[in-house]
Amino acid sequence: MSIKIESKITAYEVAKPEDEAKKESNVTAIAPLLERDDILVGQTYKIKTPHSEHAMYITINDVIVNHGEASEHRRPFEIFINTKNMEHFMWIVTLTRIISAIFRKGGDITFLVEELKAVFDPRGGYYKKGGKYMPSIVAEIGEVIQKHLVSIGMMEGQLQTEELIAKRAEAEEKLGKEGVANGAQCDKCSAMAVVRLDNCNCCLECGDSKCG
């Protein structure tokens, strides 16, 4: 394709292919991915739902960041979900790969808990051992990730204590299991577990209370 030059030429330069590539590229640099150590520290959690005779085993491996420094801390690097129930194989593989990729990018990953725990199964949820309602298997996976993040100090909240177990029993006695299952979202831990007891909003997951 020819180009007609209408004005007088006063100067020129040779355009290199790499110069054009730089002009067209508009990629924003991102932080490097976390690197995997040869040995990782991890924990395995068991999920058993009434919808399947086979349990799920969720393993979350952590990497040590800033090893030996004052800012040293653990953060998740990868997740594996194993089960004999092949019905869920495809979405389990997909979910583990996506979550592991998000773990390795670093930064704030706590949003995963809120997103996963908000997933509802159109066929209906279930009550796990102890009477706690789960809207879906994916939501319980989100709860497992939440427990893990709390245990390594990446997320505010606390693991289930005798006080929280007693508070949940009290809530179920006064509100019924259905009332507990329809709890509002907690501003502190993002769990759908806020109920009103004794004219006070209380989270049955992390214990946060508006009444102190």
Protein backbone atom coordinates (compact mmCIF):
# COMPACT_ATOMS: atom_id res chain seq x y z
CA MET A 1 0.00 0.00 0.00
CA SER A 2 1.53 3.34 -1.12
CA ILE A 3 1.31 6.54 0.93
CA LYS A 4 1.36 9.96 -0.73
CA ILE A 5 3.45 12.57 1.10
CA GLU A 6 1.87 16.02 0.81
CA SER A 7 4.43 18.09 2.82
CA LYS A 8 8.18 18.65 2.54
CA ILE A 9 10.44 16.04 4.21
CA THR A 10 12.73 17.68 6.80
CA ALA A 11 14.04 14.61 8.68
CA TYR A 12 13.70 10.86 8.88
CA GLU A 13 14.57 7.85 11.09
CA VAL A 14 14.59 4.08 10.66
CA ALA A 15 11.74 2.34 12.51
CA LYS A 16 12.72 -0.99 14.09
CA PRO A 17 10.22 -3.83 14.61
CA GLU A 18 10.85 -3.89 18.35
CA ASP A 19 9.99 -0.17 18.57
CA GLU A 20 6.59 -0.86 17.05
CA ALA A 21 6.03 -3.72 19.47
CA LYS A 22 6.72 -1.41 22.42
CA LYS A 23 4.18 1.12 21.13
CA GLU A 24 1.50 -1.52 20.69
CA SER A 25 2.16 -3.19 24.02
CA ASN A 26 0.18 -1.80 26.93
CA VAL A 27 0.82 -4.53 29.51
CA THR A 28 0.96 -3.47 33.15
CA ALA A 29 3.67 -5.22 35.16
CA ILE A 30 2.42 -7.43 38.00
CA ALA A 31 4.12 -8.89 41.04
CA PRO A 32 6.03 -12.12 40.40
CA LEU A 33 4.26 -15.36 41.25
CA LEU A 34 5.12 -17.04 44.51
CA GLU A 35 7.81 -19.68 44.13
CA ARG A 36 7.30 -23.23 45.38
CA ASP A 37 9.69 -24.60 48.00
CA ASP A 38 10.78 -28.24 47.78
CA ILE A 39 8.89 -29.01 51.00
CA LEU A 40 5.63 -27.30 51.95
CA VAL A 41 3.76 -27.33 55.23
CA GLY A 42 0.08 -28.18 54.86
CA GLN A 43 -3.10 -29.32 56.53
CA THR A 44 -5.81 -31.72 55.35
CA TYR A 45 -9.49 -31.20 56.15
CA LYS A 46 -12.31 -33.72 55.76
CA ILE A 47 -15.75 -32.90 54.36
CA LYS A 48 -18.55 -35.48 54.61
CA THR A 49 -21.93 -34.51 53.19
CA PRO A 50 -25.20 -36.49 53.35
CA HIS A 51 -25.37 -36.20 49.55
CA SER A 52 -22.53 -38.67 49.01
CA GLU A 53 -21.22 -41.81 50.69
CA HIS A 54 -17.67 -40.69 49.89
CA ALA A 55 -15.90 -37.97 51.84
CA MET A 56 -13.81 -35.15 50.39
CA TYR A 57 -10.28 -34.51 51.64
CA ILE A 58 -9.04 -30.95 51.15
CA THR A 59 -5.31 -30.33 51.48
CA ILE A 60 -3.97 -26.76 51.59
CA ASN A 61 -0.20 -26.35 51.38
CA ASP A 62 1.49 -23.17 52.57
CA VAL A 63 4.67 -21.42 51.52
CA ILE A 64 6.88 -19.43 53.92
CA VAL A 65 7.24 -15.82 52.76
CA ASN A 66 10.20 -13.63 53.85
CA HIS A 67 11.85 -16.57 55.60
CA GLY A 68 14.07 -15.56 58.51
CA GLU A 69 12.86 -11.94 58.54
CA ALA A 70 10.63 -10.11 60.99
CA SER A 71 7.86 -10.11 58.38
CA GLU A 72 8.02 -13.91 57.93
CA HIS A 73 4.58 -15.47 57.52
CA ARG A 74 2.75 -18.39 55.98
CA ARG A 75 0.32 -18.09 53.10
CA PRO A 76 -1.49 -20.69 50.96
CA PHE A 77 0.27 -21.84 47.81
CA GLU A 78 -1.89 -24.68 46.47
CA ILE A 79 -5.01 -26.71 47.20
CA PHE A 80 -5.91 -30.31 46.40
CA ILE A 81 -9.33 -31.97 46.72
CA ASN A 82 -9.54 -35.75 46.65
CA THR A 83 -12.64 -37.94 46.65
CA LYS A 84 -13.80 -41.29 45.33
CA ASN A 85 -16.99 -39.66 44.06
CA MET A 86 -16.26 -39.20 40.34
CA GLU A 87 -19.52 -37.28 39.83
CA HIS A 88 -17.75 -34.09 40.90
CA PHE A 89 -14.40 -34.78 39.20
CA MET A 90 -14.57 -32.11 36.46
CA TRP A 91 -15.58 -29.13 38.59
CA ILE A 92 -13.25 -30.20 41.41
CA VAL A 93 -10.23 -30.18 39.08
CA THR A 94 -11.32 -26.82 37.68
CA LEU A 95 -11.84 -25.30 41.13
CA THR A 96 -8.50 -26.51 42.52
CA ARG A 97 -6.57 -25.15 39.55
CA ILE A 98 -8.25 -21.74 39.71
CA ILE A 99 -7.88 -21.41 43.49
CA SER A 100 -4.23 -22.52 43.38
CA ALA A 101 -3.54 -19.96 40.64
CA ILE A 102 -5.08 -17.22 42.81
CA PHE A 103 -3.01 -18.36 45.81
CA ARG A 104 0.22 -18.10 43.79
CA LYS A 105 -0.50 -14.56 42.60
CA GLY A 106 -0.15 -13.33 46.17
CA GLY A 107 -1.95 -10.28 47.54
CA ASP A 108 -5.30 -10.38 49.30
CA ILE A 109 -6.98 -13.75 48.75
CA THR A 110 -9.59 -13.53 51.51
CA PHE A 111 -12.26 -12.57 48.96
CA LEU A 112 -12.31 -16.24 47.92
CA VAL A 113 -14.04 -17.13 51.19
CA GLU A 114 -16.93 -14.73 50.59
CA GLU A 115 -17.37 -15.82 46.96
CA LEU A 116 -17.34 -19.56 47.68
CA LYS A 117 -19.56 -19.40 50.77
CA ALA A 118 -22.17 -17.49 48.77
CA VAL A 119 -22.69 -20.41 46.34
CA PHE A 120 -26.06 -22.13 46.80
CA ASP A 121 -26.97 -25.55 45.42
CA PRO A 122 -30.32 -25.33 43.56
CA ARG A 123 -31.08 -28.86 44.78
CA GLY A 124 -30.81 -27.67 48.37
CA GLY A 125 -28.14 -27.54 51.02
CA TYR A 126 -27.53 -29.79 54.00
CA TYR A 127 -26.74 -29.81 57.71
CA LYS A 128 -23.21 -30.87 58.55
CA LYS A 129 -22.24 -32.71 61.71
CA GLY A 130 -23.08 -30.50 64.67
CA GLY A 131 -26.16 -29.02 63.02
CA LYS A 132 -24.58 -26.22 61.00
CA TYR A 133 -26.32 -25.55 57.68
CA MET A 134 -24.28 -25.53 54.48
CA PRO A 135 -25.92 -24.13 51.30
CA SER A 136 -23.63 -26.21 49.04
CA ILE A 137 -20.47 -28.33 48.91
CA VAL A 138 -18.65 -25.35 47.38
CA ALA A 139 -19.73 -23.22 50.34
CA GLU A 140 -18.22 -25.76 52.73
CA ILE A 141 -14.97 -25.70 50.74
CA GLY A 142 -15.04 -21.93 51.26
CA GLU A 143 -15.51 -22.50 54.98
CA VAL A 144 -12.49 -24.83 55.02
CA ILE A 145 -10.37 -22.14 53.33
CA GLN A 146 -11.66 -19.62 55.88
CA LYS A 147 -10.66 -21.86 58.80
CA HIS A 148 -7.23 -22.31 57.27
CA LEU A 149 -6.69 -18.58 56.73
CA VAL A 150 -7.76 -17.90 60.32
CA SER A 151 -5.39 -20.59 61.63
CA ILE A 152 -2.35 -19.06 59.88
CA GLY A 153 -3.31 -15.47 60.75
CA MET A 154 -4.28 -14.26 57.27
CA MET A 155 -7.91 -13.62 58.17
CA GLU A 156 -9.60 -12.21 61.25
CA GLY A 157 -11.79 -14.50 63.29
CA GLN A 158 -11.29 -17.53 65.41
CA LEU A 159 -11.73 -21.25 65.13
CA GLN A 160 -14.75 -22.91 66.74
CA THR A 161 -14.48 -22.74 70.53
CA GLU A 162 -16.67 -24.12 73.30
CA GLU A 163 -18.17 -20.65 73.69
CA LEU A 164 -19.13 -20.45 70.00
CA ILE A 165 -20.50 -23.99 70.02
CA ALA A 166 -22.66 -23.10 73.05
CA LYS A 167 -23.79 -19.88 71.34
CA ARG A 168 -24.83 -21.83 68.24
CA ALA A 169 -26.78 -24.31 70.37
CA GLU A 170 -28.55 -21.41 72.08
CA ALA A 171 -29.38 -19.84 68.71
CA GLU A 172 -30.81 -23.08 67.34
CA GLU A 173 -32.92 -23.52 70.47
CA LYS A 174 -34.39 -20.01 70.21
CA LEU A 175 -34.51 -19.52 66.44
CA GLY A 176 -34.57 -23.08 65.12
CA LYS A 177 -32.15 -24.54 62.58
CA GLU A 178 -33.91 -22.69 59.78
CA GLY A 179 -33.41 -19.37 61.53
CA VAL A 180 -29.72 -20.06 62.02
CA ALA A 181 -29.36 -21.20 58.39
CA ASN A 182 -30.77 -17.86 57.17
CA GLY A 183 -28.19 -15.75 59.00
CA ALA A 184 -26.96 -12.44 57.60
CA GLN A 185 -23.42 -11.78 56.40
CA CYS A 186 -20.80 -10.90 59.00
CA ASP A 187 -18.87 -7.67 58.37
CA LYS A 188 -15.81 -9.13 60.08
CA CYS A 189 -15.41 -12.66 58.69
CA SER A 190 -17.90 -12.55 55.74
CA ALA A 191 -19.68 -15.71 56.91
CA MET A 192 -23.46 -15.90 56.47
CA ALA A 193 -23.85 -16.53 60.21
CA VAL A 194 -25.13 -13.36 61.90
CA VAL A 195 -28.28 -13.92 63.99
CA ARG A 196 -30.10 -11.78 66.54
CA LEU A 197 -29.94 -13.07 70.10
CA ASP A 198 -31.16 -11.12 73.13
CA ASN A 199 -31.67 -8.01 70.96
CA CYS A 200 -28.05 -8.19 69.78
CA ASN A 201 -26.52 -9.24 66.45
CA CYS A 202 -23.96 -11.99 66.89
CA CYS A 203 -21.86 -13.97 64.39
CA LEU A 204 -21.93 -17.69 65.12
CA GLU A 205 -18.80 -18.21 63.02
CA CYS A 206 -16.23 -15.78 64.44
CA GLY A 207 -18.04 -14.56 67.59
CA ASP A 208 -18.20 -10.91 66.52
CA SER A 209 -20.95 -9.08 68.40
CA LYS A 210 -22.32 -5.56 68.11
CA CYS A 211 -22.94 -5.53 71.87
CA GLY A 212 -19.34 -6.12 72.83
